[in-house]
PDB file of N, CA and C in Angstrom:
ATOM      1  N   MET A   1      -4.656   4.144   0.281  1.00  0.00           N
ATOM      2  CA  MET A   1      -5.176   5.572   0.608  1.00  0.00           C
ATOM      3  C   MET A   1      -5.507   5.374   1.489  1.00  0.00           C
ATOM      4  N   LEU A   2      -6.770   4.292   1.529  1.00  0.00           N
ATOM      5  CA  LEU A   2      -7.969   5.072   3.185  1.00  0.00           C
ATOM      6  C   LEU A   2      -6.519   3.948   3.506  1.00  0.00           C
ATOM      7  N   ARG A   3      -6.149   3.092   3.585  1.00  0.00           N
ATOM      8  CA  ARG A   3      -4.920   2.157   4.848  1.00  0.00           C
ATOM      9  C   ARG A   3      -4.176   3.753   5.969  1.00  0.00           C
ATOM     10  N   PHE A   4      -3.786   3.637   4.480  1.00  0.00           N
ATOM     11  CA  PHE A   4      -2.625   4.772   5.132  1.00  0.00           C
ATOM     12  C   PHE A   4      -2.619   6.598   5.441  1.00  0.00           C
ATOM     13  N   ILE A   5      -4.196   6.899   4.488  1.00  0.00           N
ATOM     14  CA  ILE A   5      -4.016   8.651   5.166  1.00  0.00           C
ATOM     15  C   ILE A   5      -5.278   8.347   5.448  1.00  0.00           C
ATOM     16  N   ASN A   6      -6.298   7.480   5.507  1.00  0.00           N
ATOM     17  CA  ASN A   6      -7.668   7.836   6.436  1.00  0.00           C
ATOM     18  C   ASN A   6      -7.331   6.881   7.741  1.00  0.00           C
ATOM     19  N   ASP A   7      -6.673   5.897   7.787  1.00  0.00           N
ATOM     20  CA  ASP A   7      -5.516   5.125   8.896  1.00  0.00           C
ATOM     21  C   ASP A   7      -7.388   3.875   8.812  1.00  0.00           C
ATOM     22  N   CYS A   8      -8.225   3.355   8.112  1.00  0.00           N
ATOM     23  CA  CYS A   8      -8.896   2.882   8.075  1.00  0.00           C
ATOM     24  C   CYS A   8      -8.143   1.339   7.588  1.00  0.00           C
ATOM     25  N   SER A   9      -9.383   0.688   8.856  1.00  0.00           N
ATOM     26  CA  SER A   9      -9.133  -1.057   8.714  1.00  0.00           C
ATOM     27  C   SER A   9      -9.130  -1.876   7.806  1.00  0.00           C
ATOM     28  N   GLU A  10      -8.829  -2.648   7.622  1.00  0.00           N
ATOM     29  CA  GLU A  10      -8.946  -3.599   6.494  1.00  0.00           C
ATOM     30  C   GLU A  10     -10.775  -4.198   5.747  1.00  0.00           C
ATOM     31  N   LYS A  11     -10.816  -4.169   7.282  1.00  0.00           N
ATOM     32  CA  LYS A  11     -12.750  -4.222   7.224  1.00  0.00           C
ATOM     33  C   LYS A  11     -13.285  -3.442   6.506  1.00  0.00           C
ATOM     34  N   GLU A  12     -13.222  -2.300   7.471  1.00  0.00           N
ATOM     35  CA  GLU A  12     -13.697  -0.801   6.488  1.00  0.00           C
ATOM     36  C   GLU A  12     -13.689  -0.523   5.300  1.00  0.00           C
ATOM     37  N   ILE A  13     -11.974  -0.988   4.493  1.00  0.00           N
ATOM     38  CA  ILE A  13     -11.737  -0.747   3.064  1.00  0.00           C
ATOM     39  C   ILE A  13     -12.547  -1.868   2.354  1.00  0.00           C
ATOM     40  N   SER A  14     -13.092  -3.134   2.614  1.00  0.00           N
ATOM     41  CA  SER A  14     -14.017  -4.042   2.349  1.00  0.00           C
ATOM     42  C   SER A  14     -14.738  -3.778   2.506  1.00  0.00           C
ATOM     43  N   SER A  15     -15.104  -2.529   3.673  1.00  0.00           N
ATOM     44  CA  SER A  15     -16.913  -2.356   3.663  1.00  0.00           C
ATOM     45  C   SER A  15     -17.220  -0.879   2.500  1.00  0.00           C
ATOM     46  N   ILE A  16     -16.436  -0.158   2.675  1.00  0.00           N
ATOM     47  CA  ILE A  16     -16.504   0.941   1.670  1.00  0.00           C
ATOM     48  C   ILE A  16     -16.575   0.669   0.488  1.00  0.00           C
ATOM     49  N   LEU A  17     -15.360   0.124   0.266  1.00  0.00           N
ATOM     50  CA  LEU A  17     -15.077  -0.321  -1.746  1.00  0.00           C
ATOM     51  C   LEU A  17     -16.497  -1.458  -2.387  1.00  0.00           C
ATOM     52  N   GLY A  18     -16.787  -2.240  -1.142  1.00  0.00           N
ATOM     53  CA  GLY A  18     -17.584  -3.682  -1.619  1.00  0.00           C
ATOM     54  C   GLY A  18     -16.605  -4.813  -2.454  1.00  0.00           C
ATOM     55  N   ILE A  19     -15.611  -4.922  -1.520  1.00  0.00           N
ATOM     56  CA  ILE A  19     -14.775  -6.507  -1.950  1.00  0.00           C
ATOM     57  C   ILE A  19     -14.498  -7.369  -0.873  1.00  0.00           C
ATOM     58  N   SER A  20     -13.917  -8.517  -0.921  1.00  0.00           N
ATOM     59  CA  SER A  20     -13.736  -9.136   0.358  1.00  0.00           C
ATOM     60  C   SER A  20     -12.294  -8.343   0.624  1.00  0.00           C
ATOM     61  N   ILE A  21     -12.181  -8.625   1.605  1.00  0.00           N
ATOM     62  CA  ILE A  21     -10.335  -8.486   2.974  1.00  0.00           C
ATOM     63  C   ILE A  21      -8.987  -9.056   2.239  1.00  0.00           C
ATOM     64  N   GLY A  22      -9.331 -10.447   1.565  1.00  0.00           N
ATOM     65  CA  GLY A  22      -8.405 -11.254   1.213  1.00  0.00           C
ATOM     66  C   GLY A  22      -8.020 -10.071  -0.631  1.00  0.00           C
ATOM     67  N   THR A  23      -8.802  -9.428  -0.786  1.00  0.00           N
ATOM     68  CA  THR A  23      -8.626  -8.709  -1.539  1.00  0.00           C
ATOM     69  C   THR A  23      -8.469  -7.051  -1.343  1.00  0.00           C
ATOM     70  N   VAL A  24      -8.589  -6.625  -0.521  1.00  0.00           N
ATOM     71  CA  VAL A  24      -7.849  -5.595   0.073  1.00  0.00           C
ATOM     72  C   VAL A  24      -6.575  -6.095   0.208  1.00  0.00           C
ATOM     73  N   LYS A  25      -6.589  -7.258   0.994  1.00  0.00           N
ATOM     74  CA  LYS A  25      -4.562  -7.069   1.849  1.00  0.00           C
ATOM     75  C   LYS A  25      -3.687  -7.446   0.410  1.00  0.00           C
ATOM     76  N   SER A  26      -4.272  -8.255  -0.346  1.00  0.00           N
ATOM     77  CA  SER A  26      -3.567  -8.852  -1.458  1.00  0.00           C
ATOM     78  C   SER A  26      -3.281  -6.657  -2.546  1.00  0.00           C
ATOM     79  N   THR A  27      -4.683  -6.393  -2.324  1.00  0.00           N
ATOM     80  CA  THR A  27      -4.451  -4.777  -2.891  1.00  0.00           C
ATOM     81  C   THR A  27      -3.258  -4.443  -2.108  1.00  0.00           C
ATOM     82  N   VAL A  28      -3.111  -4.165  -1.144  1.00  0.00           N
ATOM     83  CA  VAL A  28      -2.643  -3.297  -0.863  1.00  0.00           C
ATOM     84  C   VAL A  28      -0.570  -3.927  -0.631  1.00  0.00           C
ATOM     85  N   PHE A  29      -0.753  -4.582  -0.350  1.00  0.00           N
ATOM     86  CA  PHE A  29       0.867  -5.398  -0.729  1.00  0.00           C
ATOM     87  C   PHE A  29       0.994  -5.068  -2.182  1.00  0.00           C
ATOM     88  N   THR A  30       0.089  -5.823  -2.964  1.00  0.00           N
ATOM     89  CA  THR A  30       0.659  -5.042  -4.689  1.00  0.00           C
ATOM     90  C   THR A  30       1.320  -3.400  -4.339  1.00  0.00           C
ATOM     91  N   THR A  31       0.531  -2.534  -4.414  1.00  0.00           N
ATOM     92  CA  THR A  31       0.624  -1.481  -4.718  1.00  0.00           C
ATOM     93  C   THR A  31       2.094  -0.714  -3.562  1.00  0.00           C
ATOM     94  N   ARG A  32       1.863  -1.572  -2.122  1.00  0.00           N
ATOM     95  CA  ARG A  32       3.382  -1.554  -1.664  1.00  0.00           C
ATOM     96  C   ARG A  32       4.652  -1.641  -2.543  1.00  0.00           C
ATOM     97  N   GLU A  33       4.598  -2.980  -2.810  1.00  0.00           N
ATOM     98  CA  GLU A  33       5.611  -3.603  -3.900  1.00  0.00           C
ATOM     99  C   GLU A  33       5.883  -2.621  -4.540  1.00  0.00           C
ATOM    100  N   LYS A  34       4.995  -1.716  -5.356  1.00  0.00           N
ATOM    101  CA  LYS A  34       5.361  -1.109  -6.643  1.00  0.00           C
ATOM    102  C   LYS A  34       6.065   0.141  -6.569  1.00  0.00           C
ATOM    103  N   LEU A  35       5.348   0.664  -5.425  1.00  0.00           N
ATOM    104  CA  LEU A  35       5.952   2.258  -4.764  1.00  0.00           C
ATOM    105  C   LEU A  35       7.095   1.737  -5.224  1.00  0.00           C
ATOM    106  N   LYS A  36       7.510   0.726  -3.210  1.00  0.00           N
ATOM    107  CA  LYS A  36       8.876   0.110  -3.084  1.00  0.00           C
ATOM    108  C   LYS A  36      10.006   0.301  -5.035  1.00  0.00           C
ATOM    109  N   SER A  37       9.566   0.216  -5.555  1.00  0.00           N
ATOM    110  CA  SER A  37      10.414  -0.638  -6.849  1.00  0.00           C
ATOM    111  C   SER A  37      10.274   1.457  -7.404  1.00  0.00           C
ATOM    112  N   LEU A  38       9.214   1.410  -7.476  1.00  0.00           N
ATOM    113  CA  LEU A  38       9.334   2.924  -8.143  1.00  0.00           C
ATOM    114  C   LEU A  38      10.300   3.893  -7.093  1.00  0.00           C
ATOM    115  N   LEU A  39      10.186   3.862  -5.643  1.00  0.00           N
ATOM    116  CA  LEU A  39      10.836   4.742  -4.583  1.00  0.00           C
ATOM    117  C   LEU A  39      12.334   4.262  -4.586  1.00  0.00           C
ATOM    118  N   GLU A  40      12.494   3.198  -5.040  1.00  0.00           N
ATOM    119  CA  GLU A  40      14.192   2.750  -4.673  1.00  0.00           C
ATOM    120  C   GLU A  40      14.998   3.587  -5.228  1.00  0.00           C
ATOM    121  N   PRO A  41      15.407   3.723  -6.460  1.00  0.00           N
ATOM    122  CA  PRO A  41      16.304   3.989  -7.606  1.00  0.00           C
ATOM    123  C   PRO A  41      16.353   5.601  -7.144  1.00  0.00           C
ATOM    124  N   ILE A  42      15.204   6.058  -6.493  1.00  0.00           N
ATOM    125  CA  ILE A  42      15.485   7.645  -5.539  1.00  0.00           C
ATOM    126  C   ILE A  42      16.543   7.896  -4.340  1.00  0.00           C
ATOM    127  N   MET A  43      15.951   6.589  -3.387  1.00  0.00           N
ATOM    128  CA  MET A  43      16.202   6.698  -1.974  1.00  0.00           C
ATOM    129  C   MET A  43      17.889   6.048  -2.621  1.00  0.00           C
ATOM    130  N   THR A  44      18.543   5.386  -3.326  1.00  0.00           N
ATOM    131  CA  THR A  44      19.486   4.680  -3.902  1.00  0.00           C
ATOM    132  C   THR A  44      20.121   5.927  -4.134  1.00  0.00           C
ATOM    133  N   GLU A  45      19.961   7.129  -4.696  1.00  0.00           N
ATOM    134  CA  GLU A  45      20.785   8.203  -5.698  1.00  0.00           C
ATOM    135  C   GLU A  45      20.847   9.132  -4.269  1.00  0.00           C
ATOM    136  N   ARG A  46      20.112   9.356  -3.003  1.00  0.00           N
ATOM    137  CA  ARG A  46      20.242   9.902  -2.598  1.00  0.00           C
ATOM    138  C   ARG A  46      21.188   9.466  -1.161  1.00  0.00           C
ATOM    139  N   GLY A  47      20.821   7.593  -1.040  1.00  0.00           N
ATOM    140  CA  GLY A  47      22.176   7.206   0.008  1.00  0.00           C
ATOM    141  C   GLY A  47      21.120   6.924   1.231  1.00  0.00           C
ATOM    142  N   ASP A  48      19.741   7.007   0.509  1.00  0.00           N
ATOM    143  CA  ASP A  48      18.945   6.314   1.875  1.00  0.00           C
ATOM    144  C   ASP A  48      18.338   5.268   1.948  1.00  0.00           C
ATOM    145  N   ALA A  49      18.660   4.375   0.910  1.00  0.00           N
ATOM    146  CA  ALA A  49      18.017   2.706   0.491  1.00  0.00           C
ATOM    147  C   ALA A  49      18.677   1.963   1.551  1.00  0.00           C
ATOM    148  N   GLU A  50      17.985   0.683   2.097  1.00  0.00           N
ATOM    149  CA  GLU A  50      18.345   0.202   2.969  1.00  0.00           C
ATOM    150  C   GLU A  50      19.374  -0.642   2.206  1.00  0.00           C
TER     151      GLU A  50
END
């Protein structure tokens, strides 16, 4: 949420949450992949899938 809604950098997120930048990057990647897998069936149904 901080990355996409508040447009925070990885460094800012790291500082806010008190975690490493590597953890931020990993979490963003994992979350993006989960969201993609959840939305894929919906997008396919609508005909919007890539």
